[in-house]
Amino acid sequence: MAACRYPTQATFADAIGETSQVVTNWRRRDSIGRAGPKLREVTGVSTDWMQAGVGEPFPDGPIPYSGPIAADAETLERLQRGLDGMGLAVIALCKTVSARSQAEARELRERLTAAIDELEKAGRKAPFLKNLRDKVVADQSLGRPRGKRE
């Protein structure tokens, strides 16, 4: 980690696709298990040196940490379009379900409320789900859903 200039163990663990706890365990046991090829790929460290202390630790030099990978603007825009499309699809689905009957609209509202409560208990915000729930409630109060009445 030091040779490749990783700022923290957590950053190093993330780069090799492991948890910080796994890296801690490697350090305690002085063993990397089956992670040799991944460590070689990410850091340039010799698997022979890691496993048996044979040869140089970095025969081709260490691969220095270069910071988090930044996404380019095109990738971010494509992701945003995908999320926007998915959001519109979810809204359309909720409208369709709530338009079938009062009972289905009520059930959808209750499920959305339960999901919001779970996210909030976990310390997360759920503005999209709250907006969907509010839309279902508003549709109900405006005389929608339009389907068969119970």
Protein backbone atom coordinates (compact mmCIF):
# COMPACT_ATOMS: atom_id res chain seq x y z
CA MET A 1 0.00 0.00 0.00
CA ALA A 2 2.77 2.44 0.92
CA ALA A 3 4.87 1.71 -2.17
CA CYS A 4 1.87 2.47 -4.40
CA ARG A 5 0.96 5.55 -2.33
CA TYR A 6 -2.56 4.56 -1.31
CA PRO A 7 -3.78 7.21 1.14
CA THR A 8 -5.75 4.77 3.31
CA GLN A 9 -6.29 1.07 3.76
CA ALA A 10 -9.94 1.58 2.78
CA THR A 11 -8.89 3.17 -0.52
CA PHE A 12 -6.52 0.29 -1.18
CA ALA A 13 -9.19 -2.29 -0.33
CA ASP A 14 -11.65 -0.59 -2.66
CA ALA A 15 -9.10 -0.59 -5.50
CA ILE A 16 -8.61 -4.34 -5.24
CA GLY A 17 -12.29 -5.10 -4.73
CA GLU A 18 -12.06 -6.19 -1.09
CA THR A 19 -13.19 -4.80 2.23
CA SER A 20 -10.86 -3.07 4.62
CA GLN A 21 -11.47 -5.92 7.08
CA VAL A 22 -10.13 -8.45 4.56
CA VAL A 23 -6.95 -6.40 4.16
CA THR A 24 -6.64 -6.18 7.95
CA ASN A 25 -6.93 -9.97 8.13
CA TRP A 26 -4.22 -10.38 5.47
CA ARG A 27 -1.91 -8.13 7.46
CA ARG A 28 -2.57 -9.97 10.73
CA ARG A 29 -2.04 -13.40 9.18
CA ASP A 30 0.77 -12.22 6.89
CA SER A 31 -1.03 -14.03 4.08
CA ILE A 32 -3.08 -12.82 1.10
CA GLY A 33 -4.94 -16.04 0.33
CA ARG A 34 -5.96 -16.19 -3.34
CA ALA A 35 -5.70 -12.44 -3.98
CA GLY A 36 -2.25 -12.56 -5.59
CA PRO A 37 -3.31 -12.06 -9.22
CA LYS A 38 -5.57 -9.12 -8.35
CA LEU A 39 -2.85 -7.51 -6.20
CA ARG A 40 -0.36 -7.97 -9.07
CA GLU A 41 -2.78 -6.36 -11.52
CA VAL A 42 -3.56 -3.35 -9.32
CA THR A 43 -0.19 -2.69 -7.65
CA GLY A 44 2.44 -4.43 -9.78
CA VAL A 45 3.67 -6.49 -6.80
CA SER A 46 5.29 -9.84 -7.58
CA THR A 47 3.18 -12.84 -6.56
CA ASP A 48 6.39 -14.85 -6.00
CA TRP A 49 7.64 -12.18 -3.62
CA MET A 50 4.29 -12.01 -1.79
CA GLN A 51 3.97 -15.75 -1.33
CA ALA A 52 7.56 -16.85 -0.80
CA GLY A 53 9.73 -13.76 -0.49
CA VAL A 54 11.48 -14.68 -3.75
CA GLY A 55 12.77 -11.97 -6.09
CA GLU A 56 12.02 -8.27 -6.10
CA PRO A 57 8.75 -6.97 -4.67
CA PHE A 58 8.05 -4.81 -7.74
CA PRO A 59 10.04 -6.17 -10.71
CA ASP A 60 8.49 -3.60 -13.09
CA GLY A 61 8.05 -0.90 -10.45
CA PRO A 62 4.97 -0.23 -8.36
CA ILE A 63 1.81 1.01 -10.02
CA PRO A 64 1.09 4.26 -8.15
CA TYR A 65 -2.39 5.14 -6.95
CA SER A 66 -3.78 7.82 -9.22
CA GLY A 67 -6.92 8.74 -7.34
CA PRO A 68 -10.52 7.85 -7.99
CA ILE A 69 -11.53 7.35 -11.59
CA ALA A 70 -13.52 10.31 -12.84
CA ALA A 71 -16.44 9.65 -15.13
CA ASP A 72 -16.50 11.68 -18.31
CA ALA A 73 -19.38 14.03 -19.10
CA GLU A 74 -20.80 11.74 -21.79
CA THR A 75 -21.00 8.79 -19.39
CA LEU A 76 -22.65 10.92 -16.71
CA GLU A 77 -25.17 12.27 -19.22
CA ARG A 78 -25.98 8.74 -20.45
CA LEU A 79 -26.50 7.58 -16.86
CA GLN A 80 -28.75 10.55 -16.11
CA ARG A 81 -30.87 9.87 -19.22
CA GLY A 82 -31.20 6.25 -18.13
CA LEU A 83 -32.25 7.25 -14.61
CA ASP A 84 -34.73 9.80 -15.98
CA GLY A 85 -36.24 7.16 -18.27
CA MET A 86 -36.49 4.68 -15.43
CA GLY A 87 -38.16 7.29 -13.23
CA LEU A 88 -40.76 8.03 -15.92
CA ALA A 89 -41.43 4.30 -16.31
CA VAL A 90 -41.98 3.91 -12.56
CA ILE A 91 -44.34 6.90 -12.54
CA ALA A 92 -46.33 5.41 -15.42
CA LEU A 93 -46.49 2.05 -13.65
CA CYS A 94 -47.77 3.68 -10.44
CA LYS A 95 -50.42 5.60 -12.40
CA THR A 96 -51.53 2.41 -14.11
CA VAL A 97 -51.79 0.46 -10.85
CA SER A 98 -53.55 3.25 -8.97
CA ALA A 99 -56.01 3.72 -11.86
CA ARG A 100 -57.31 0.14 -11.63
CA SER A 101 -59.20 0.33 -8.36
CA GLN A 102 -59.39 2.10 -5.02
CA ALA A 103 -58.05 -1.03 -3.29
CA GLU A 104 -55.00 -1.25 -5.55
CA ALA A 105 -54.31 2.46 -5.14
CA ARG A 106 -54.56 2.08 -1.36
CA GLU A 107 -52.22 -0.93 -1.41
CA LEU A 108 -49.71 0.93 -3.58
CA ARG A 109 -49.80 3.92 -1.22
CA GLU A 110 -49.27 1.64 1.78
CA ARG A 111 -46.34 -0.16 0.12
CA LEU A 112 -44.69 3.12 -0.83
CA THR A 113 -45.16 4.41 2.73
CA ALA A 114 -43.62 1.22 4.14
CA ALA A 115 -40.63 1.52 1.78
CA ILE A 116 -40.14 5.17 2.74
CA ASP A 117 -40.27 4.28 6.45
CA GLU A 118 -37.65 1.54 5.98
CA LEU A 119 -35.30 3.88 4.11
CA GLU A 120 -35.71 6.60 6.73
CA LYS A 121 -35.00 4.11 9.53
CA ALA A 122 -31.76 3.31 7.72
CA GLY A 123 -30.92 7.03 7.64
CA ARG A 124 -31.60 7.48 3.94
CA LYS A 125 -33.88 9.91 2.19
CA ALA A 126 -36.56 8.87 -0.28
CA PRO A 127 -37.80 11.97 -2.13
CA PHE A 128 -38.69 10.06 -5.31
CA LEU A 129 -40.80 7.52 -3.39
CA LYS A 130 -42.47 10.31 -1.41
CA ASN A 131 -43.38 12.06 -4.67
CA LEU A 132 -44.84 8.82 -6.05
CA ARG A 133 -46.87 8.25 -2.88
CA ASP A 134 -48.13 11.83 -2.95
CA LYS A 135 -49.10 11.41 -6.62
CA VAL A 136 -51.07 8.25 -5.82
CA VAL A 137 -52.83 10.05 -2.94
CA ALA A 138 -53.59 13.06 -5.18
CA ASP A 139 -54.95 10.82 -7.96
CA GLN A 140 -57.23 9.11 -5.44
CA SER A 141 -58.55 12.39 -4.06
CA LEU A 142 -59.28 13.77 -7.57
CA GLY A 143 -61.70 10.99 -8.32
CA ARG A 144 -59.12 8.77 -9.92
CA PRO A 145 -58.57 5.81 -10.05
CA ARG A 146 -61.02 5.34 -12.86
CA GLY A 147 -61.41 1.58 -12.82
CA LYS A 148 -64.01 -0.61 -11.23
CA ARG A 149 -65.19 0.71 -7.85
CA GLU A 150 -65.46 -1.53 -4.79
